[in-house]
Amino acid sequence: MISVKDLRKTYLLGEEAVHALDGVSLEVDDKEFVAIIGQSGSGKSTLMNMLGCLDIPDTGDVFIDGEDLAGFNENQLSVLRNEKIGFIFQQFNLLAKLDAFENVELPLIYQGIKLEERKKRVEKALCEVGLKERMHHKPNQLSGGQQQRVAIARALIANPTLILADEPTGNLDSKSSKDIMKVLHQVHEQGNTIVLITHDNDVAKEAGRQIRIMDGKIVYDSAKEEFDEINPGN
């Protein structure tokens, strides 16, 4: 599903060069559930932006579902994002003036799906995340956990093959966090590939594979024996 080779990305902060990614290579199989763990500034969010076609590396190769992104223009990247990738963010990114149904419906409108089909798919998605009775509530009428469930339904509505979840439990209490992780497990069981970005070791342990990133480098990968003695998952 994902193959990246020797990714490098440097940002300038004033006169200082920050190596956000410094030679990152990894493979993620189809239907795998992977957690990428790192503290603020480790490079994990930069890596997610590369995987989500939101940014491009200075050097290195990115393949998503067998497609080489080198040479893709912005329009092609946008099509790939819309068709194959679902995003879940820490801040939910729901539109305040729209209710849960309308927020989830948006990607289907962009795809030109007809009203009757949209209605059927949105209701099904919201039922699957336990919001059947709340689909016509606006974000300010929902708890943080419920808002994140709406965001998950929106991420799934276009039937993507890859889900990128950036700190999906970061703004939630412990009970809501457990509920969201339960939903993500259900999503995974339905056949989706999930890459979960987190700073929380307990959340990371929910995934089948853990990858730790530090100072722009991968320092631990639970799938590779050669990393076993390097900071083995604290």
Protein backbone atom coordinates (compact mmCIF):
# COMPACT_ATOMS: atom_id res chain seq x y z
CA MET A 1 0.00 0.00 0.00
CA ILE A 2 2.80 2.45 0.94
CA SER A 3 6.44 2.47 -0.04
CA VAL A 4 8.74 5.39 0.74
CA LYS A 5 12.47 5.45 0.10
CA ASP A 6 15.05 7.81 1.56
CA LEU A 7 12.65 10.71 2.18
CA ARG A 8 14.32 13.97 3.10
CA LYS A 9 12.64 17.26 3.93
CA THR A 10 14.32 20.38 5.29
CA TYR A 11 12.61 23.55 6.48
CA LEU A 12 14.23 26.89 7.20
CA LEU A 13 13.31 28.49 10.53
CA GLY A 14 14.97 31.87 10.31
CA GLU A 15 18.55 31.01 9.45
CA GLU A 16 18.38 27.52 10.94
CA ALA A 17 17.86 24.44 8.75
CA VAL A 18 15.55 21.87 10.38
CA HIS A 19 15.79 18.35 8.97
CA ALA A 20 12.17 17.24 9.46
CA LEU A 21 12.82 13.99 7.60
CA ASP A 22 16.35 12.65 7.27
CA GLY A 23 16.45 9.55 5.10
CA VAL A 24 13.16 7.83 6.05
CA SER A 25 12.34 4.54 4.30
CA LEU A 26 9.44 2.23 5.12
CA GLU A 27 6.90 -0.15 3.67
CA VAL A 28 3.29 -0.55 4.82
CA ASP A 29 1.33 -3.54 3.56
CA ASP A 30 -2.24 -3.51 2.36
CA LYS A 31 -4.70 -3.84 5.30
CA GLU A 32 -1.96 -3.23 7.88
CA PHE A 33 -2.57 -1.14 11.04
CA VAL A 34 0.56 0.88 11.80
CA ALA A 35 1.28 3.47 14.48
CA ILE A 36 3.99 6.05 13.91
CA ILE A 37 5.12 7.34 17.28
CA GLY A 38 7.10 10.48 18.04
CA GLN A 39 7.20 13.59 20.15
CA SER A 40 6.54 17.11 18.84
CA GLY A 41 9.18 18.00 16.26
CA SER A 42 10.16 14.38 15.59
CA GLY A 43 9.00 14.48 11.96
CA LYS A 44 5.91 12.30 12.28
CA SER A 45 3.46 14.92 11.00
CA THR A 46 5.76 15.80 8.11
CA LEU A 47 5.84 12.12 7.20
CA MET A 48 2.04 11.97 7.34
CA ASN A 49 1.84 14.96 5.00
CA MET A 50 4.04 13.10 2.53
CA LEU A 51 1.90 9.96 2.75
CA GLY A 52 -1.26 12.02 2.36
CA CYS A 53 0.00 13.86 -0.74
CA LEU A 54 -0.25 17.16 1.17
CA ASP A 55 3.45 17.92 0.77
CA ILE A 56 6.34 16.66 -1.32
CA PRO A 57 9.83 15.64 -0.17
CA ASP A 58 12.99 17.46 -1.16
CA THR A 59 14.35 14.10 -2.28
CA GLY A 60 13.17 10.50 -2.11
CA ASP A 61 10.39 8.38 -3.57
CA VAL A 62 6.77 7.92 -2.49
CA PHE A 63 4.53 5.16 -3.84
CA ILE A 64 0.85 4.94 -2.78
CA ASP A 65 -1.08 1.85 -3.84
CA GLY A 66 1.54 1.17 -6.50
CA GLU A 67 1.51 4.68 -7.96
CA ASP A 68 4.77 6.64 -8.12
CA LEU A 69 3.97 10.19 -7.01
CA ALA A 70 7.07 11.64 -8.67
CA GLY A 71 5.93 14.04 -11.33
CA PHE A 72 2.30 14.19 -10.18
CA ASN A 73 0.90 17.71 -10.52
CA GLU A 74 -1.38 19.26 -7.89
CA ASN A 75 -4.53 18.19 -9.72
CA GLN A 76 -3.35 14.57 -9.92
CA LEU A 77 -2.41 14.60 -6.23
CA SER A 78 -5.86 15.99 -5.40
CA VAL A 79 -7.56 13.20 -7.34
CA LEU A 80 -5.43 10.59 -5.55
CA ARG A 81 -6.29 12.09 -2.15
CA ASN A 82 -10.01 12.16 -2.93
CA GLU A 83 -10.15 8.61 -4.29
CA LYS A 84 -7.76 6.65 -2.09
CA ILE A 85 -7.06 8.49 1.17
CA GLY A 86 -9.26 9.32 4.15
CA PHE A 87 -7.99 11.84 6.73
CA ILE A 88 -8.81 12.00 10.44
CA PHE A 89 -7.38 15.00 12.31
CA GLN A 90 -6.93 15.89 15.97
CA GLN A 91 -8.98 19.08 15.54
CA PHE A 92 -11.87 17.24 13.79
CA ASN A 93 -12.01 19.95 11.04
CA LEU A 94 -15.81 19.92 10.88
CA LEU A 95 -17.69 22.86 9.38
CA ALA A 96 -19.53 24.58 12.22
CA LYS A 97 -22.56 25.65 10.16
CA LEU A 98 -23.23 22.13 8.86
CA ASP A 99 -24.76 19.28 10.84
CA ALA A 100 -23.17 15.84 11.11
CA PHE A 101 -25.00 14.55 8.04
CA GLU A 102 -23.92 17.51 5.90
CA ASN A 103 -20.29 17.32 7.06
CA VAL A 104 -20.09 13.66 6.09
CA GLU A 105 -21.91 14.30 2.82
CA LEU A 106 -19.41 16.90 1.53
CA PRO A 107 -16.86 14.53 -0.08
CA LEU A 108 -19.68 12.84 -2.02
CA ILE A 109 -20.93 16.19 -3.30
CA TYR A 110 -17.42 16.95 -4.57
CA GLN A 111 -17.45 13.58 -6.33
CA GLY A 112 -20.76 14.35 -8.02
CA ILE A 113 -22.68 11.51 -6.33
CA LYS A 114 -26.46 11.84 -6.76
CA LEU A 115 -28.63 12.88 -3.81
CA GLU A 116 -30.37 9.54 -3.24
CA GLU A 117 -27.09 7.62 -3.20
CA ARG A 118 -25.49 10.26 -0.94
CA LYS A 119 -28.32 9.98 1.57
CA LYS A 120 -28.06 6.19 1.72
CA ARG A 121 -24.27 6.19 2.16
CA VAL A 122 -24.15 9.00 4.73
CA GLU A 123 -26.85 7.42 6.91
CA LYS A 124 -25.04 4.08 6.76
CA ALA A 125 -21.70 5.68 7.69
CA LEU A 126 -23.12 7.58 10.65
CA CYS A 127 -24.95 4.48 11.89
CA GLU A 128 -21.68 2.52 11.74
CA VAL A 129 -19.98 5.02 14.07
CA GLY A 130 -22.94 5.04 16.47
CA LEU A 131 -24.46 8.42 15.57
CA LYS A 132 -27.80 7.40 14.10
CA GLU A 133 -29.67 9.62 16.56
CA ARG A 134 -27.28 12.58 16.24
CA MET A 135 -26.89 12.98 12.48
CA HIS A 136 -28.75 16.30 12.35
CA HIS A 137 -26.84 17.88 15.24
CA LYS A 138 -24.22 20.55 14.54
CA PRO A 139 -20.67 20.20 15.93
CA ASN A 140 -21.32 22.50 18.90
CA GLN A 141 -24.15 20.15 19.92
CA LEU A 142 -21.83 17.13 19.98
CA SER A 143 -19.18 16.00 22.45
CA GLY A 144 -15.54 15.80 21.37
CA GLY A 145 -15.81 12.04 20.96
CA GLN A 146 -18.96 12.39 18.86
CA GLN A 147 -17.31 15.02 16.66
CA GLN A 148 -14.40 12.67 16.05
CA ARG A 149 -16.87 9.93 15.08
CA VAL A 150 -18.34 12.32 12.51
CA ALA A 151 -14.81 12.95 11.22
CA ILE A 152 -14.21 9.20 10.94
CA ALA A 153 -17.48 8.73 9.04
CA ARG A 154 -16.45 11.55 6.69
CA ALA A 155 -13.04 9.93 6.16
CA LEU A 156 -14.69 6.63 5.24
CA ILE A 157 -17.55 7.90 3.09
CA ALA A 158 -15.66 7.79 -0.21
CA ASN A 159 -14.44 4.22 0.43
CA PRO A 160 -10.70 5.03 0.57
CA THR A 161 -8.11 2.26 0.74
CA LEU A 162 -5.86 4.19 3.14
CA ILE A 163 -6.82 5.99 6.37
CA LEU A 164 -4.36 8.52 7.84
CA ALA A 165 -5.23 9.40 11.43
CA ASP A 166 -3.21 12.29 12.90
CA GLU A 167 -3.48 12.26 16.73
CA PRO A 168 -7.18 11.23 16.53
CA THR A 169 -7.44 10.93 20.32
CA GLY A 170 -5.31 13.98 21.15
CA ASN A 171 -8.21 16.22 22.23
CA LEU A 172 -10.29 13.54 23.93
CA ASP A 173 -10.72 12.22 27.47
CA SER A 174 -9.70 8.64 28.23
CA LYS A 175 -13.18 7.14 27.73
CA SER A 176 -13.72 8.92 24.42
CA SER A 177 -10.22 7.89 23.33
CA LYS A 178 -11.02 4.24 23.98
CA ASP A 179 -14.28 4.59 22.05
CA ILE A 180 -12.48 6.12 19.05
CA MET A 181 -9.82 3.39 19.06
CA LYS A 182 -12.60 0.80 19.10
CA VAL A 183 -14.10 2.43 16.00
CA LEU A 184 -10.68 2.45 14.29
CA HIS A 185 -10.31 -1.26 15.01
CA GLN A 186 -13.69 -1.85 13.39
CA VAL A 187 -12.56 0.18 10.37
CA HIS A 188 -9.40 -1.91 10.15
CA GLU A 189 -11.37 -5.15 10.36
CA GLN A 190 -13.39 -3.99 7.34
CA GLY A 191 -10.18 -4.10 5.27
CA ASN A 192 -8.76 -0.59 5.47
CA THR A 193 -5.06 0.18 5.79
CA ILE A 194 -4.57 2.54 8.74
CA VAL A 195 -1.56 4.71 9.58
CA LEU A 196 -2.01 6.27 13.01
CA ILE A 197 0.20 9.21 14.02
CA THR A 198 0.54 9.65 17.79
CA HIS A 199 2.81 10.74 20.63
CA ASP A 200 1.01 8.40 23.05
CA ASN A 201 2.64 5.00 23.62
CA ASP A 202 -0.59 3.48 24.96
CA VAL A 203 -2.50 4.52 21.83
CA ALA A 204 0.33 3.21 19.64
CA LYS A 205 0.13 -0.21 21.28
CA GLU A 206 -3.38 -0.57 19.84
CA ALA A 207 -1.83 -0.95 16.38
CA GLY A 208 -0.40 -4.18 15.05
CA ARG A 209 2.94 -2.51 14.29
CA GLN A 210 4.75 0.39 15.92
CA ILE A 211 7.30 2.63 14.22
CA ARG A 212 9.16 5.22 16.30
CA ILE A 213 10.55 8.36 14.67
CA MET A 214 13.03 10.73 16.30
CA ASP A 215 14.83 13.74 14.82
CA GLY A 216 13.55 12.84 11.37
CA LYS A 217 14.83 9.26 11.46
CA ILE A 218 13.15 5.92 12.13
CA VAL A 219 14.76 4.52 15.27
CA TYR A 220 12.47 1.56 15.92
CA ASP A 221 10.19 -0.65 13.86
CA SER A 222 8.50 -3.56 15.62
CA ALA A 223 8.38 -5.44 12.29
CA LYS A 224 12.17 -5.47 11.91
CA GLU A 225 14.55 -7.45 14.07
CA GLU A 226 17.47 -5.09 13.48
CA PHE A 227 15.66 -2.41 15.48
CA ASP A 228 14.88 -4.67 18.45
CA GLU A 229 17.60 -3.23 20.67
CA ILE A 230 17.00 0.40 19.74
CA ASN A 231 14.54 1.96 22.14
CA PRO A 232 12.22 -1.07 21.89
CA GLY A 233 8.93 0.61 22.39
CA ASN A 234 9.21 2.09 25.89
